[in-house]
Amino acid sequence: MPPPKKRMKVQRLEIHLDPPLLAWLRLEAKRLDVSMGEVVRRMLRKEMGA
């Protein structure tokens, strides 16, 4: 029997961004070929020193 899958609790945050910041986020996501959410997660990880 395979081991049980680990569950990760994810908290959804509602973030309101100014249009210029949103545009930058879209461009950065496209440049890195990742989702906008992933760009935000990477920024948060970097900010929190993880």
PDB file of N, CA and C in Angstrom:
ATOM      1  N   MET A   1       0.833  -1.191   0.000  1.00  0.00           N
ATOM      2  CA  MET A   1       0.000   0.000   0.000  1.00  0.00           C
ATOM      3  C   MET A   1       0.876   1.254   0.000  1.00  0.00           C
ATOM      4  N   PRO A   2       0.558   2.233  -0.850  1.00  0.00           N
ATOM      5  CA  PRO A   2       1.391   3.449  -0.873  1.00  0.00           C
ATOM      6  C   PRO A   2       1.178   4.266   0.401  1.00  0.00           C
ATOM      7  N   PRO A   3       2.197   5.028   0.797  1.00  0.00           N
ATOM      8  CA  PRO A   3       2.032   5.854   1.999  1.00  0.00           C
ATOM      9  C   PRO A   3       0.953   6.913   1.778  1.00  0.00           C
ATOM     10  N   PRO A   4       0.288   7.329   2.839  1.00  0.00           N
ATOM     11  CA  PRO A   4      -0.761   8.349   2.662  1.00  0.00           C
ATOM     12  C   PRO A   4      -0.154   9.667   2.179  1.00  0.00           C
ATOM     13  N   LYS A   5      -0.918  10.354   1.368  1.00  0.00           N
ATOM     14  CA  LYS A   5      -0.438  11.637   0.847  1.00  0.00           C
ATOM     15  C   LYS A   5      -0.444  12.677   1.957  1.00  0.00           C
ATOM     16  N   LYS A   6       0.593  13.490   1.963  1.00  0.00           N
ATOM     17  CA  LYS A   6       0.665  14.558   2.962  1.00  0.00           C
ATOM     18  C   LYS A   6      -0.280  15.678   2.555  1.00  0.00           C
ATOM     19  N   ARG A   7      -0.957  16.196   3.531  1.00  0.00           N
ATOM     20  CA  ARG A   7      -1.856  17.314   3.258  1.00  0.00           C
ATOM     21  C   ARG A   7      -1.198  18.595   3.729  1.00  0.00           C
ATOM     22  N   MET A   8      -1.315  19.607   2.915  1.00  0.00           N
ATOM     23  CA  MET A   8      -0.764  20.893   3.298  1.00  0.00           C
ATOM     24  C   MET A   8      -1.919  21.885   3.377  1.00  0.00           C
ATOM     25  N   LYS A   9      -2.001  22.577   4.477  1.00  0.00           N
ATOM     26  CA  LYS A   9      -3.057  23.556   4.652  1.00  0.00           C
ATOM     27  C   LYS A   9      -2.591  24.872   4.026  1.00  0.00           C
ATOM     28  N   VAL A  10      -3.347  25.343   3.087  1.00  0.00           N
ATOM     29  CA  VAL A  10      -2.980  26.570   2.389  1.00  0.00           C
ATOM     30  C   VAL A  10      -3.985  27.649   2.748  1.00  0.00           C
ATOM     31  N   GLN A  11      -3.450  28.792   3.087  1.00  0.00           N
ATOM     32  CA  GLN A  11      -4.324  29.908   3.429  1.00  0.00           C
ATOM     33  C   GLN A  11      -4.403  30.843   2.226  1.00  0.00           C
ATOM     34  N   ARG A  12      -5.602  31.146   1.839  1.00  0.00           N
ATOM     35  CA  ARG A  12      -5.778  32.065   0.711  1.00  0.00           C
ATOM     36  C   ARG A  12      -5.816  33.494   1.233  1.00  0.00           C
ATOM     37  N   LEU A  13      -5.057  34.331   0.574  1.00  0.00           N
ATOM     38  CA  LEU A  13      -5.033  35.738   0.959  1.00  0.00           C
ATOM     39  C   LEU A  13      -5.638  36.556  -0.171  1.00  0.00           C
ATOM     40  N   GLU A  14      -6.431  37.522   0.196  1.00  0.00           N
ATOM     41  CA  GLU A  14      -6.973  38.415  -0.814  1.00  0.00           C
ATOM     42  C   GLU A  14      -6.130  39.679  -0.775  1.00  0.00           C
ATOM     43  N   ILE A  15      -5.424  39.915  -1.853  1.00  0.00           N
ATOM     44  CA  ILE A  15      -4.514  41.056  -1.900  1.00  0.00           C
ATOM     45  C   ILE A  15      -4.989  42.010  -2.989  1.00  0.00           C
ATOM     46  N   HIS A  16      -5.082  43.267  -2.640  1.00  0.00           N
ATOM     47  CA  HIS A  16      -5.469  44.284  -3.614  1.00  0.00           C
ATOM     48  C   HIS A  16      -4.219  45.055  -4.016  1.00  0.00           C
ATOM     49  N   LEU A  17      -3.911  45.036  -5.307  1.00  0.00           N
ATOM     50  CA  LEU A  17      -2.694  45.671  -5.800  1.00  0.00           C
ATOM     51  C   LEU A  17      -3.023  46.836  -6.722  1.00  0.00           C
ATOM     52  N   ASP A  18      -2.144  47.829  -6.708  1.00  0.00           N
ATOM     53  CA  ASP A  18      -2.290  48.947  -7.635  1.00  0.00           C
ATOM     54  C   ASP A  18      -2.020  48.441  -9.053  1.00  0.00           C
ATOM     55  N   PRO A  19      -2.660  49.049 -10.051  1.00  0.00           N
ATOM     56  CA  PRO A  19      -2.460  48.603 -11.438  1.00  0.00           C
ATOM     57  C   PRO A  19      -0.992  48.510 -11.880  1.00  0.00           C
ATOM     58  N   PRO A  20      -0.114  49.493 -11.533  1.00  0.00           N
ATOM     59  CA  PRO A  20       1.287  49.358 -11.970  1.00  0.00           C
ATOM     60  C   PRO A  20       1.971  48.129 -11.359  1.00  0.00           C
ATOM     61  N   LEU A  21       1.661  47.844 -10.103  1.00  0.00           N
ATOM     62  CA  LEU A  21       2.254  46.687  -9.435  1.00  0.00           C
ATOM     63  C   LEU A  21       1.713  45.392 -10.045  1.00  0.00           C
ATOM     64  N   LEU A  22       0.442  45.404 -10.376  1.00  0.00           N
ATOM     65  CA  LEU A  22      -0.186  44.246 -11.006  1.00  0.00           C
ATOM     66  C   LEU A  22       0.446  43.984 -12.376  1.00  0.00           C
ATOM     67  N   ALA A  23       0.701  45.056 -13.112  1.00  0.00           N
ATOM     68  CA  ALA A  23       1.336  44.925 -14.427  1.00  0.00           C
ATOM     69  C   ALA A  23       2.741  44.355 -14.281  1.00  0.00           C
ATOM     70  N   TRP A  24       3.483  44.844 -13.285  1.00  0.00           N
ATOM     71  CA  TRP A  24       4.837  44.326 -13.049  1.00  0.00           C
ATOM     72  C   TRP A  24       4.785  42.846 -12.689  1.00  0.00           C
ATOM     73  N   LEU A  25       3.815  42.484 -11.853  1.00  0.00           N
ATOM     74  CA  LEU A  25       3.660  41.097 -11.423  1.00  0.00           C
ATOM     75  C   LEU A  25       3.395  40.183 -12.625  1.00  0.00           C
ATOM     76  N   ARG A  26       2.534  40.644 -13.536  1.00  0.00           N
ATOM     77  CA  ARG A  26       2.242  39.869 -14.750  1.00  0.00           C
ATOM     78  C   ARG A  26       3.496  39.694 -15.602  1.00  0.00           C
ATOM     79  N   LEU A  27       4.246  40.789 -15.779  1.00  0.00           N
ATOM     80  CA  LEU A  27       5.462  40.721 -16.595  1.00  0.00           C
ATOM     81  C   LEU A  27       6.502  39.803 -15.971  1.00  0.00           C
ATOM     82  N   GLU A  28       6.655  39.895 -14.663  1.00  0.00           N
ATOM     83  CA  GLU A  28       7.628  39.063 -13.945  1.00  0.00           C
ATOM     84  C   GLU A  28       7.242  37.586 -14.057  1.00  0.00           C
ATOM     85  N   ALA A  29       5.958  37.290 -13.922  1.00  0.00           N
ATOM     86  CA  ALA A  29       5.483  35.909 -14.036  1.00  0.00           C
ATOM     87  C   ALA A  29       5.741  35.377 -15.444  1.00  0.00           C
ATOM     88  N   LYS A  30       5.500  36.215 -16.431  1.00  0.00           N
ATOM     89  CA  LYS A  30       5.727  35.800 -17.817  1.00  0.00           C
ATOM     90  C   LYS A  30       7.219  35.582 -18.068  1.00  0.00           C
ATOM     91  N   ARG A  31       8.050  36.478 -17.537  1.00  0.00           N
ATOM     92  CA  ARG A  31       9.502  36.384 -17.718  1.00  0.00           C
ATOM     93  C   ARG A  31      10.050  35.099 -17.092  1.00  0.00           C
ATOM     94  N   LEU A  32       9.553  34.764 -15.893  1.00  0.00           N
ATOM     95  CA  LEU A  32      10.021  33.576 -15.182  1.00  0.00           C
ATOM     96  C   LEU A  32       9.269  32.312 -15.598  1.00  0.00           C
ATOM     97  N   ASP A  33       8.233  32.487 -16.415  1.00  0.00           N
ATOM     98  CA  ASP A  33       7.392  31.382 -16.876  1.00  0.00           C
ATOM     99  C   ASP A  33       6.760  30.629 -15.700  1.00  0.00           C
ATOM    100  N   VAL A  34       6.218  31.395 -14.755  1.00  0.00           N
ATOM    101  CA  VAL A  34       5.498  30.826 -13.614  1.00  0.00           C
ATOM    102  C   VAL A  34       4.198  31.604 -13.438  1.00  0.00           C
ATOM    103  N   SER A  35       3.363  31.159 -12.500  1.00  0.00           N
ATOM    104  CA  SER A  35       2.105  31.863 -12.254  1.00  0.00           C
ATOM    105  C   SER A  35       2.367  33.116 -11.421  1.00  0.00           C
ATOM    106  N   MET A  36       1.405  34.031 -11.438  1.00  0.00           N
ATOM    107  CA  MET A  36       1.536  35.245 -10.628  1.00  0.00           C
ATOM    108  C   MET A  36       1.588  34.870  -9.149  1.00  0.00           C
ATOM    109  N   GLY A  37       0.821  33.867  -8.767  1.00  0.00           N
ATOM    110  CA  GLY A  37       0.827  33.402  -7.380  1.00  0.00           C
ATOM    111  C   GLY A  37       2.201  32.920  -6.956  1.00  0.00           C
ATOM    112  N   GLU A  38       2.890  32.250  -7.871  1.00  0.00           N
ATOM    113  CA  GLU A  38       4.235  31.746  -7.559  1.00  0.00           C
ATOM    114  C   GLU A  38       5.208  32.902  -7.352  1.00  0.00           C
ATOM    115  N   VAL A  39       5.077  33.967  -8.134  1.00  0.00           N
ATOM    116  CA  VAL A  39       5.936  35.145  -7.962  1.00  0.00           C
ATOM    117  C   VAL A  39       5.710  35.731  -6.572  1.00  0.00           C
ATOM    118  N   VAL A  40       4.447  35.835  -6.163  1.00  0.00           N
ATOM    119  CA  VAL A  40       4.115  36.370  -4.837  1.00  0.00           C
ATOM    120  C   VAL A  40       4.687  35.468  -3.748  1.00  0.00           C
ATOM    121  N   ARG A  41       4.528  34.144  -3.899  1.00  0.00           N
ATOM    122  CA  ARG A  41       5.069  33.206  -2.903  1.00  0.00           C
ATOM    123  C   ARG A  41       6.578  33.338  -2.783  1.00  0.00           C
ATOM    124  N   ARG A  42       7.265  33.463  -3.920  1.00  0.00           N
ATOM    125  CA  ARG A  42       8.729  33.613  -3.892  1.00  0.00           C
ATOM    126  C   ARG A  42       9.132  34.898  -3.179  1.00  0.00           C
ATOM    127  N   MET A  43       8.388  35.985  -3.452  1.00  0.00           N
ATOM    128  CA  MET A  43       8.690  37.263  -2.793  1.00  0.00           C
ATOM    129  C   MET A  43       8.479  37.144  -1.289  1.00  0.00           C
ATOM    130  N   LEU A  44       7.398  36.486  -0.881  1.00  0.00           N
ATOM    131  CA  LEU A  44       7.114  36.325   0.545  1.00  0.00           C
ATOM    132  C   LEU A  44       8.178  35.473   1.221  1.00  0.00           C
ATOM    133  N   ARG A  45       8.594  34.397   0.548  1.00  0.00           N
ATOM    134  CA  ARG A  45       9.640  33.535   1.108  1.00  0.00           C
ATOM    135  C   ARG A  45      10.926  34.324   1.307  1.00  0.00           C
ATOM    136  N   LYS A  46      11.265  35.128   0.300  1.00  0.00           N
ATOM    137  CA  LYS A  46      12.492  35.920   0.364  1.00  0.00           C
ATOM    138  C   LYS A  46      12.392  36.947   1.499  1.00  0.00           C
ATOM    139  N   GLU A  47      11.226  37.581   1.614  1.00  0.00           N
ATOM    140  CA  GLU A  47      10.995  38.605   2.640  1.00  0.00           C
ATOM    141  C   GLU A  47      11.059  38.012   4.045  1.00  0.00           C
ATOM    142  N   MET A  48      10.565  36.783   4.190  1.00  0.00           N
ATOM    143  CA  MET A  48      10.531  36.152   5.508  1.00  0.00           C
ATOM    144  C   MET A  48      11.837  35.428   5.823  1.00  0.00           C
ATOM    145  N   GLY A  49      12.767  35.458   4.893  1.00  0.00           N
ATOM    146  CA  GLY A  49      14.075  34.868   5.140  1.00  0.00           C
ATOM    147  C   GLY A  49      14.092  33.359   5.147  1.00  0.00           C
ATOM    148  N   ALA A  50      13.138  32.761   4.457  1.00  0.00           N
ATOM    149  CA  ALA A  50      13.084  31.284   4.427  1.00  0.00           C
ATOM    150  C   ALA A  50      13.980  30.731   3.342  1.00  0.00           C
TER     151      ALA A  50
END
